[in-house]
């Protein structure tokens, strides 16, 4: 988030505004917590129009479900 200049609010807006999950795949990595774990991809905009890619997995910890996410965005910058 820091390297893309995103705030936690930008990410929350993007996830809340998402119309659909764009892709669901099963993990093939042996280092994942659970073999065949579902990984979700969402592409959505924050309120200021920044397109944010969010990828994540839902894990179960005791009786709770926890969403783990990876966030990236392409933000145009003017560097001279």
C-alpha atoms as a PDB file:
ATOM      1  CA  UNK A   1       0.000   0.000   0.000  1.00  0.00           C
ATOM      2  CA  UNK A   2       2.812   2.398   0.891  1.00  0.00           C
ATOM      3  CA  UNK A   3       4.643   1.988  -2.412  1.00  0.00           C
ATOM      4  CA  UNK A   4       1.408   2.615  -4.360  1.00  0.00           C
ATOM      5  CA  UNK A   5       0.385   5.578  -2.191  1.00  0.00           C
ATOM      6  CA  UNK A   6      -2.803   3.853  -1.011  1.00  0.00           C
ATOM      7  CA  UNK A   7      -4.494   4.365   2.314  1.00  0.00           C
ATOM      8  CA  UNK A   8      -6.465   1.770   4.266  1.00  0.00           C
ATOM      9  CA  UNK A   9      -9.568   3.789   3.358  1.00  0.00           C
ATOM     10  CA  UNK A  10      -8.806   3.418  -0.393  1.00  0.00           C
ATOM     11  CA  UNK A  11      -8.580  -0.353   0.004  1.00  0.00           C
ATOM     12  CA  UNK A  12     -11.766  -0.607   2.067  1.00  0.00           C
ATOM     13  CA  UNK A  13     -13.644   1.543  -0.472  1.00  0.00           C
ATOM     14  CA  UNK A  14     -12.455  -0.704  -3.300  1.00  0.00           C
ATOM     15  CA  UNK A  15     -13.520  -3.916  -1.560  1.00  0.00           C
ATOM     16  CA  UNK A  16     -16.887  -2.485  -0.464  1.00  0.00           C
ATOM     17  CA  UNK A  17     -17.593  -1.078  -3.965  1.00  0.00           C
ATOM     18  CA  UNK A  18     -16.658  -4.302  -5.764  1.00  0.00           C
ATOM     19  CA  UNK A  19     -19.445  -5.655  -7.946  1.00  0.00           C
ATOM     20  CA  UNK A  20     -18.059  -9.171  -8.224  1.00  0.00           C
ATOM     21  CA  UNK A  21     -15.124 -11.437  -7.563  1.00  0.00           C
ATOM     22  CA  UNK A  22     -13.271 -11.486 -10.904  1.00  0.00           C
ATOM     23  CA  UNK A  23     -11.493 -14.797 -10.391  1.00  0.00           C
ATOM     24  CA  UNK A  24     -11.395 -17.730  -7.988  1.00  0.00           C
ATOM     25  CA  UNK A  25      -8.545 -20.236  -8.182  1.00  0.00           C
ATOM     26  CA  UNK A  26      -7.336 -23.078  -6.027  1.00  0.00           C
ATOM     27  CA  UNK A  27      -3.840 -22.709  -4.648  1.00  0.00           C
ATOM     28  CA  UNK A  28      -1.299 -25.213  -5.919  1.00  0.00           C
ATOM     29  CA  UNK A  29       1.417 -24.057  -3.551  1.00  0.00           C
ATOM     30  CA  UNK A  30       2.582 -26.537  -0.942  1.00  0.00           C
ATOM     31  CA  UNK A  31       3.498 -23.672   1.384  1.00  0.00           C
ATOM     32  CA  UNK A  32      -0.147 -22.562   1.746  1.00  0.00           C
ATOM     33  CA  UNK A  33      -1.911 -23.219   5.030  1.00  0.00           C
ATOM     34  CA  UNK A  34      -4.433 -25.546   3.437  1.00  0.00           C
ATOM     35  CA  UNK A  35      -3.952 -27.569   0.243  1.00  0.00           C
ATOM     36  CA  UNK A  36      -6.307 -26.383  -2.489  1.00  0.00           C
ATOM     37  CA  UNK A  37      -7.165 -23.195  -0.600  1.00  0.00           C
ATOM     38  CA  UNK A  38      -9.397 -20.830  -2.614  1.00  0.00           C
ATOM     39  CA  UNK A  39      -7.790 -17.551  -3.638  1.00  0.00           C
ATOM     40  CA  UNK A  40     -10.018 -14.647  -4.700  1.00  0.00           C
ATOM     41  CA  UNK A  41      -9.259 -11.726  -7.051  1.00  0.00           C
ATOM     42  CA  UNK A  42     -11.250  -8.474  -7.058  1.00  0.00           C
ATOM     43  CA  UNK A  43     -10.733  -5.449  -9.315  1.00  0.00           C
ATOM     44  CA  UNK A  44     -12.606  -2.370  -8.209  1.00  0.00           C
ATOM     45  CA  UNK A  45     -12.302   1.396  -7.843  1.00  0.00           C
ATOM     46  CA  UNK A  46     -11.867   3.548  -4.762  1.00  0.00           C
ATOM     47  CA  UNK A  47     -14.084   6.636  -4.461  1.00  0.00           C
ATOM     48  CA  UNK A  48     -11.404   8.777  -6.159  1.00  0.00           C
ATOM     49  CA  UNK A  49     -11.304   6.444  -9.189  1.00  0.00           C
ATOM     50  CA  UNK A  50      -8.107   4.500  -8.464  1.00  0.00           C
ATOM     51  CA  UNK A  51      -8.305   0.948  -9.823  1.00  0.00           C
ATOM     52  CA  UNK A  52      -7.163  -1.423  -7.079  1.00  0.00           C
ATOM     53  CA  UNK A  53      -6.428  -5.137  -7.510  1.00  0.00           C
ATOM     54  CA  UNK A  54      -7.118  -7.097  -4.340  1.00  0.00           C
ATOM     55  CA  UNK A  55      -6.180 -10.731  -4.000  1.00  0.00           C
ATOM     56  CA  UNK A  56      -6.960 -12.710  -0.894  1.00  0.00           C
ATOM     57  CA  UNK A  57      -7.899 -15.858   0.921  1.00  0.00           C
ATOM     58  CA  UNK A  58     -10.332 -16.580   3.706  1.00  0.00           C
ATOM     59  CA  UNK A  59      -8.840 -18.594   6.541  1.00  0.00           C
ATOM     60  CA  UNK A  60     -10.495 -20.123   9.563  1.00  0.00           C
ATOM     61  CA  UNK A  61      -8.911 -19.431  12.962  1.00  0.00           C
ATOM     62  CA  UNK A  62     -10.748 -21.318  15.685  1.00  0.00           C
ATOM     63  CA  UNK A  63     -14.361 -20.116  15.220  1.00  0.00           C
ATOM     64  CA  UNK A  64     -13.522 -16.961  13.242  1.00  0.00           C
ATOM     65  CA  UNK A  65     -13.059 -16.356   9.523  1.00  0.00           C
ATOM     66  CA  UNK A  66     -10.204 -14.012   8.647  1.00  0.00           C
ATOM     67  CA  UNK A  67      -9.645 -12.393   5.244  1.00  0.00           C
ATOM     68  CA  UNK A  68      -6.004 -12.105   4.203  1.00  0.00           C
ATOM     69  CA  UNK A  69      -5.382  -9.706   1.302  1.00  0.00           C
ATOM     70  CA  UNK A  70      -2.664  -8.576  -1.072  1.00  0.00           C
ATOM     71  CA  UNK A  71      -3.260  -5.141  -2.581  1.00  0.00           C
ATOM     72  CA  UNK A  72      -1.793  -3.478  -5.647  1.00  0.00           C
ATOM     73  CA  UNK A  73      -2.682  -0.505  -7.828  1.00  0.00           C
ATOM     74  CA  UNK A  74      -1.366   1.292 -10.856  1.00  0.00           C
ATOM     75  CA  UNK A  75      -1.315   4.983 -10.073  1.00  0.00           C
ATOM     76  CA  UNK A  76      -0.063   7.457 -12.672  1.00  0.00           C
ATOM     77  CA  UNK A  77       2.617   9.784 -11.359  1.00  0.00           C
ATOM     78  CA  UNK A  78       4.378  12.741 -12.961  1.00  0.00           C
ATOM     79  CA  UNK A  79       8.095  12.443 -12.323  1.00  0.00           C
ATOM     80  CA  UNK A  80      10.508  14.911 -13.941  1.00  0.00           C
END
